[in-house]
Amino acid sequence: MIRKCLFPAAGYGTRFLPATKAMPKEMMPILDEPLIQYGVEESLAAGMNQIAIVTGRSKRAIEDHFDISYELEHQISGTEKEKRLVSIRNLIDKCTFSYTRQLETKGLGHAILTGETLIGDEAFGVILADDLCVGDPDPVMSQMVSLYKKRPACIIAIEEVPMAEVHKYGVIDGEDMGDGVYRVNAMVEKPSADEAPGNLAIIGRYILTPEIFDTLRNTEAGKGGELQITDALHTLAKQGKVFALKFSGRRFDCGSIDGFVEATNYFFSKSKE
């Protein structure tokens, strides 16, 4: 039902400077795979094999990663090292990749609007690569697709966070419908603990209907002077067109050093098992 997944990847990754001065933060490796590869694997598992990536300056490494490297592959052909490329070759063979550039970083909403040229008039997924998710038992985006089939509307992934951290997230006010599903009534971008309607925070997984593009065009700049996807979704939520899923699994905030190290340790321990 949903073929395309959008990856906003134009940010500067300033929390990882100087490592991200010349390298995209999406290419930071958890063990031997870059963050964005985990996201594409999750997308493919959910049936989305048309990958649309919004990039910016100094992001050519992403395009090169999802391409064939003839010289490298020739050099390691017939050796033990050849099997280390199996996972990325699988993605290259099964997915198509398209790219467009976000000339200015004006917020997540602006990045998604920039991707309209790659998406067209159909529902699509959005994955933020620095939110690394481990679904249980199914990948998070697969869980969201299952909900979309029952309720074809905008779907956002949420999790409970400490009230002291709600200022870092978009937060929903919603009606609990059971089985982790909420009908969203309102959304607030990065509220203070006093302003927050609760502690159900939006994380970097969305399914959006094409209506989101016109809504974004008619949304004014919000927090930080940026075009916020939360503000656009708030407009649709007031029309009853947004649901939230409290997903089953675990999420690592790999946009922070603490979360990145936590994810590395988790996947390392899993590899030893």
Protein backbone atom coordinates (compact mmCIF):
# COMPACT_ATOMS: atom_id res chain seq x y z
CA MET A 1 0.00 0.00 0.00
CA ILE A 2 2.84 2.38 0.79
CA ARG A 3 5.80 2.23 -1.59
CA LYS A 4 7.91 5.26 -0.70
CA CYS A 5 9.88 6.31 2.35
CA LEU A 6 11.42 9.75 2.81
CA PHE A 7 14.68 10.28 4.70
CA PRO A 8 15.38 13.90 5.69
CA ALA A 9 19.19 14.00 5.79
CA ALA A 10 20.26 17.60 5.32
CA GLY A 11 21.07 18.53 8.93
CA TYR A 12 24.52 19.51 10.09
CA GLY A 13 24.83 17.06 13.01
CA THR A 14 26.38 19.74 15.22
CA ARG A 15 26.15 17.61 18.36
CA PHE A 16 28.83 15.34 16.88
CA LEU A 17 31.31 17.99 15.79
CA PRO A 18 34.09 17.71 14.80
CA ALA A 19 33.29 14.18 13.53
CA THR A 20 30.46 15.53 11.36
CA LYS A 21 32.40 18.47 9.93
CA ALA A 22 32.95 16.54 6.68
CA MET A 23 30.94 13.33 7.27
CA PRO A 24 27.11 13.18 7.31
CA LYS A 25 25.76 12.26 10.74
CA GLU A 26 23.55 9.69 8.96
CA MET A 27 26.76 7.85 8.03
CA MET A 28 27.93 7.50 11.65
CA PRO A 29 28.33 3.73 12.16
CA ILE A 30 26.68 1.57 14.77
CA LEU A 31 29.16 -1.32 14.63
CA ASP A 32 29.69 -1.85 10.89
CA GLU A 33 26.54 -0.22 9.46
CA PRO A 34 25.80 3.49 9.12
CA LEU A 35 22.65 4.81 10.79
CA ILE A 36 20.86 5.45 7.52
CA GLN A 37 21.34 1.84 6.41
CA TYR A 38 19.46 0.61 9.49
CA GLY A 39 16.65 2.97 8.50
CA VAL A 40 16.52 1.74 4.90
CA GLU A 41 16.44 -1.87 6.12
CA GLU A 42 13.46 -0.97 8.33
CA SER A 43 11.76 0.73 5.39
CA LEU A 44 12.25 -2.27 3.10
CA ALA A 45 10.94 -4.65 5.77
CA ALA A 46 7.74 -2.56 5.81
CA GLY A 47 7.34 -2.90 2.04
CA MET A 48 8.71 0.55 1.15
CA ASN A 49 11.39 -0.03 -1.47
CA GLN A 50 11.38 3.41 -3.11
CA ILE A 51 13.78 5.44 -1.00
CA ALA A 52 13.67 9.24 -1.27
CA ILE A 53 16.47 11.13 0.46
CA VAL A 54 16.57 14.87 1.11
CA THR A 55 20.24 15.81 1.31
CA GLY A 56 22.36 18.94 1.56
CA ARG A 57 25.92 20.07 1.14
CA SER A 58 28.64 17.58 2.18
CA LYS A 59 26.24 14.63 1.94
CA ARG A 60 27.67 12.88 -1.11
CA ALA A 61 28.81 9.95 1.06
CA ILE A 62 25.15 8.89 1.40
CA GLU A 63 24.71 8.64 -2.37
CA ASP A 64 28.02 6.80 -2.73
CA HIS A 65 27.05 4.33 0.01
CA PHE A 66 23.90 3.24 -1.83
CA ASP A 67 25.78 2.70 -5.08
CA ILE A 68 28.07 0.06 -6.52
CA SER A 69 31.79 0.52 -5.91
CA TYR A 70 33.33 -1.41 -8.79
CA GLU A 71 36.96 -0.88 -7.77
CA LEU A 72 36.39 -1.95 -4.15
CA GLU A 73 34.31 -4.96 -5.14
CA HIS A 74 36.92 -6.04 -7.66
CA GLN A 75 39.65 -5.79 -5.02
CA ILE A 76 37.88 -8.01 -2.48
CA SER A 77 36.23 -10.39 -4.96
CA GLY A 78 36.76 -14.00 -3.93
CA THR A 79 37.99 -13.10 -0.44
CA GLU A 80 36.39 -13.41 2.99
CA LYS A 81 35.76 -9.68 2.96
CA GLU A 82 33.29 -10.01 0.09
CA LYS A 83 30.53 -11.21 2.42
CA ARG A 84 30.73 -7.94 4.35
CA LEU A 85 28.98 -6.23 1.44
CA VAL A 86 26.03 -8.65 1.32
CA SER A 87 23.69 -6.45 3.38
CA ILE A 88 24.28 -3.25 1.40
CA ARG A 89 24.14 -5.06 -1.96
CA ASN A 90 20.79 -6.52 -0.91
CA LEU A 91 19.43 -2.99 -0.40
CA ILE A 92 20.91 -1.74 -3.68
CA ASP A 93 19.30 -4.65 -5.54
CA LYS A 94 15.87 -4.38 -3.91
CA CYS A 95 15.46 -0.61 -3.54
CA THR A 96 15.53 2.42 -5.80
CA PHE A 97 17.15 5.61 -4.48
CA SER A 98 16.32 9.16 -5.48
CA TYR A 99 17.70 12.41 -4.08
CA THR A 100 16.92 16.09 -3.87
CA ARG A 101 18.69 18.88 -2.00
CA GLN A 102 17.35 21.08 0.76
CA LEU A 103 19.16 24.35 0.04
CA GLU A 104 18.47 25.78 3.49
CA THR A 105 17.82 23.91 6.73
CA LYS A 106 14.52 25.40 7.86
CA GLY A 107 13.15 22.59 9.97
CA LEU A 108 11.77 19.09 9.52
CA GLY A 109 8.57 20.37 7.97
CA HIS A 110 10.56 22.21 5.31
CA ALA A 111 12.67 19.11 4.63
CA ILE A 112 9.53 17.01 4.11
CA LEU A 113 8.04 19.67 1.83
CA THR A 114 11.30 19.69 -0.15
CA GLY A 115 10.81 15.95 -0.68
CA GLU A 116 7.41 16.41 -2.36
CA THR A 117 9.04 16.27 -5.78
CA LEU A 118 10.22 12.72 -5.00
CA ILE A 119 6.98 11.54 -3.38
CA GLY A 120 4.15 12.83 -5.54
CA ASP A 121 0.50 12.30 -4.68
CA GLU A 122 0.61 9.23 -2.44
CA ALA A 123 0.99 8.24 1.19
CA PHE A 124 4.58 7.73 2.32
CA GLY A 125 6.74 6.89 5.29
CA VAL A 126 9.27 9.17 6.95
CA ILE A 127 12.27 7.87 8.90
CA LEU A 128 14.73 10.03 10.80
CA ALA A 129 17.92 7.99 10.70
CA ASP A 130 19.27 9.27 14.01
CA ASP A 131 16.29 7.70 15.79
CA LEU A 132 17.45 4.09 15.64
CA CYS A 133 14.55 1.77 16.48
CA VAL A 134 14.43 -1.92 17.33
CA GLY A 135 10.88 -3.21 17.00
CA ASP A 136 9.49 -6.14 18.96
CA PRO A 137 8.50 -8.41 17.31
CA ASP A 138 8.11 -6.39 14.08
CA PRO A 139 10.09 -3.33 12.96
CA VAL A 140 8.46 -0.07 14.06
CA MET A 141 7.56 1.06 10.54
CA SER A 142 5.93 -2.33 9.90
CA GLN A 143 3.82 -1.84 13.02
CA MET A 144 2.76 1.56 11.70
CA VAL A 145 1.85 0.18 8.26
CA SER A 146 -0.39 -2.39 9.97
CA LEU A 147 -2.22 0.46 11.72
CA TYR A 148 -2.43 2.48 8.50
CA LYS A 149 -4.21 -0.41 6.78
CA LYS A 150 -6.92 -0.20 9.47
CA ARG A 151 -6.93 3.60 9.75
CA PRO A 152 -5.69 5.24 6.52
CA ALA A 153 -4.63 8.59 7.96
CA CYS A 154 -1.43 10.21 9.19
CA ILE A 155 0.29 7.93 11.71
CA ILE A 156 2.99 9.05 14.14
CA ALA A 157 5.13 6.93 16.45
CA ILE A 158 5.18 7.92 20.11
CA GLU A 159 6.82 6.84 23.34
CA GLU A 160 6.66 7.93 26.96
CA VAL A 161 9.50 10.19 28.06
CA PRO A 162 10.28 11.75 31.46
CA MET A 163 8.46 15.06 31.98
CA ALA A 164 11.84 16.71 32.44
CA GLU A 165 12.62 15.89 28.78
CA VAL A 166 9.38 16.86 27.03
CA HIS A 167 10.95 20.16 25.94
CA LYS A 168 13.07 18.18 23.45
CA TYR A 169 10.10 16.70 21.56
CA GLY A 170 6.78 17.26 19.91
CA VAL A 171 4.14 16.06 22.41
CA ILE A 172 0.60 14.83 21.72
CA ASP A 173 -2.70 15.21 23.48
CA GLY A 174 -4.69 12.16 22.51
CA GLU A 175 -7.54 9.79 23.28
CA ASP A 176 -6.44 6.27 24.20
CA MET A 177 -8.23 3.83 21.89
CA GLY A 178 -6.49 0.71 23.23
CA ASP A 179 -3.69 -1.50 21.89
CA GLY A 180 -1.28 1.44 21.96
CA VAL A 181 -3.34 3.50 19.51
CA TYR A 182 -4.31 7.12 20.21
CA ARG A 183 -6.57 9.48 18.32
CA VAL A 184 -4.59 12.70 18.34
CA ASN A 185 -6.48 15.84 19.34
CA ALA A 186 -3.58 18.28 19.51
CA MET A 187 0.19 18.47 19.27
CA VAL A 188 2.70 20.88 20.76
CA GLU A 189 6.29 21.35 19.58
CA LYS A 190 8.90 21.31 22.37
CA PRO A 191 6.69 22.52 25.23
CA SER A 192 7.91 23.23 28.74
CA ALA A 193 6.88 20.69 31.38
CA ASP A 194 4.16 23.11 32.53
CA GLU A 195 2.76 23.55 29.01
CA ALA A 196 2.93 19.90 27.92
CA PRO A 197 -0.38 18.00 27.62
CA GLY A 198 1.41 14.84 28.79
CA ASN A 199 4.59 12.88 28.24
CA LEU A 200 3.75 11.05 25.00
CA ALA A 201 6.52 12.26 22.71
CA ILE A 202 6.76 11.97 18.94
CA ILE A 203 9.82 10.12 17.65
CA GLY A 204 11.29 9.95 14.16
CA ARG A 205 8.78 7.67 12.44
CA TYR A 206 5.77 8.92 10.45
CA ILE A 207 3.31 7.79 7.83
CA LEU A 208 1.94 10.85 6.07
CA THR A 209 -0.84 11.31 3.53
CA PRO A 210 -0.17 13.62 0.54
CA GLU A 211 -2.48 16.20 2.15
CA ILE A 212 0.47 17.08 4.37
CA PHE A 213 2.18 19.02 1.56
CA ASP A 214 -0.58 21.63 1.13
CA THR A 215 -0.92 21.80 4.90
CA LEU A 216 2.80 22.54 5.24
CA ARG A 217 2.57 25.23 2.57
CA ASN A 218 -0.13 26.93 4.62
CA THR A 219 1.70 26.56 7.95
CA GLU A 220 3.64 29.49 9.35
CA ALA A 221 7.12 29.14 10.79
CA GLY A 222 6.97 28.03 14.40
CA LYS A 223 9.45 27.19 17.15
CA GLY A 224 12.91 28.51 16.34
CA GLY A 225 11.62 30.22 13.20
CA GLU A 226 11.45 26.84 11.44
CA LEU A 227 8.64 25.07 9.58
CA GLN A 228 7.60 22.39 12.04
CA ILE A 229 5.94 19.14 10.96
CA THR A 230 4.29 19.09 14.40
CA ASP A 231 2.41 22.34 13.63
CA ALA A 232 1.15 20.98 10.30
CA LEU A 233 0.05 17.71 11.90
CA HIS A 234 -1.70 19.70 14.64
CA THR A 235 -3.88 21.25 11.91
CA LEU A 236 -4.79 17.81 10.56
CA ALA A 237 -5.31 16.43 14.07
CA LYS A 238 -8.02 19.02 14.68
CA GLN A 239 -9.80 17.49 11.66
CA GLY A 240 -9.49 13.97 13.12
CA LYS A 241 -6.89 12.90 10.56
CA VAL A 242 -3.97 11.87 12.81
CA PHE A 243 -3.42 8.75 14.91
CA ALA A 244 -0.47 7.87 17.12
CA LEU A 245 1.03 4.45 17.83
CA LYS A 246 2.83 3.68 21.06
CA PHE A 247 5.08 1.20 19.35
CA SER A 248 6.41 -2.04 20.75
CA GLY A 249 10.18 -2.01 20.92
CA ARG A 250 13.06 0.26 21.80
CA ARG A 251 14.39 3.52 20.42
CA PHE A 252 17.88 4.99 20.66
CA ASP A 253 18.43 8.72 20.25
CA CYS A 254 21.56 8.48 18.13
CA GLY A 255 21.50 12.23 17.59
CA SER A 256 23.06 12.47 21.04
CA ILE A 257 26.38 11.02 22.17
CA ASP A 258 24.76 9.21 25.11
CA GLY A 259 22.17 7.54 22.86
CA PHE A 260 24.78 6.71 20.23
CA VAL A 261 26.98 4.95 22.78
CA GLU A 262 23.94 3.16 24.26
CA ALA A 263 22.96 1.88 20.81
CA THR A 264 26.51 0.76 20.07
CA ASN A 265 26.68 -1.20 23.31
CA TYR A 266 23.24 -2.75 22.69
CA PHE A 267 24.07 -3.95 19.16
CA PHE A 268 27.51 -5.11 20.26
CA SER A 269 25.99 -7.28 23.00
CA LYS A 270 23.45 -8.63 20.51
CA SER A 271 26.24 -9.51 18.07
CA LYS A 272 28.00 -11.52 20.79
CA GLU A 273 24.80 -13.45 21.49
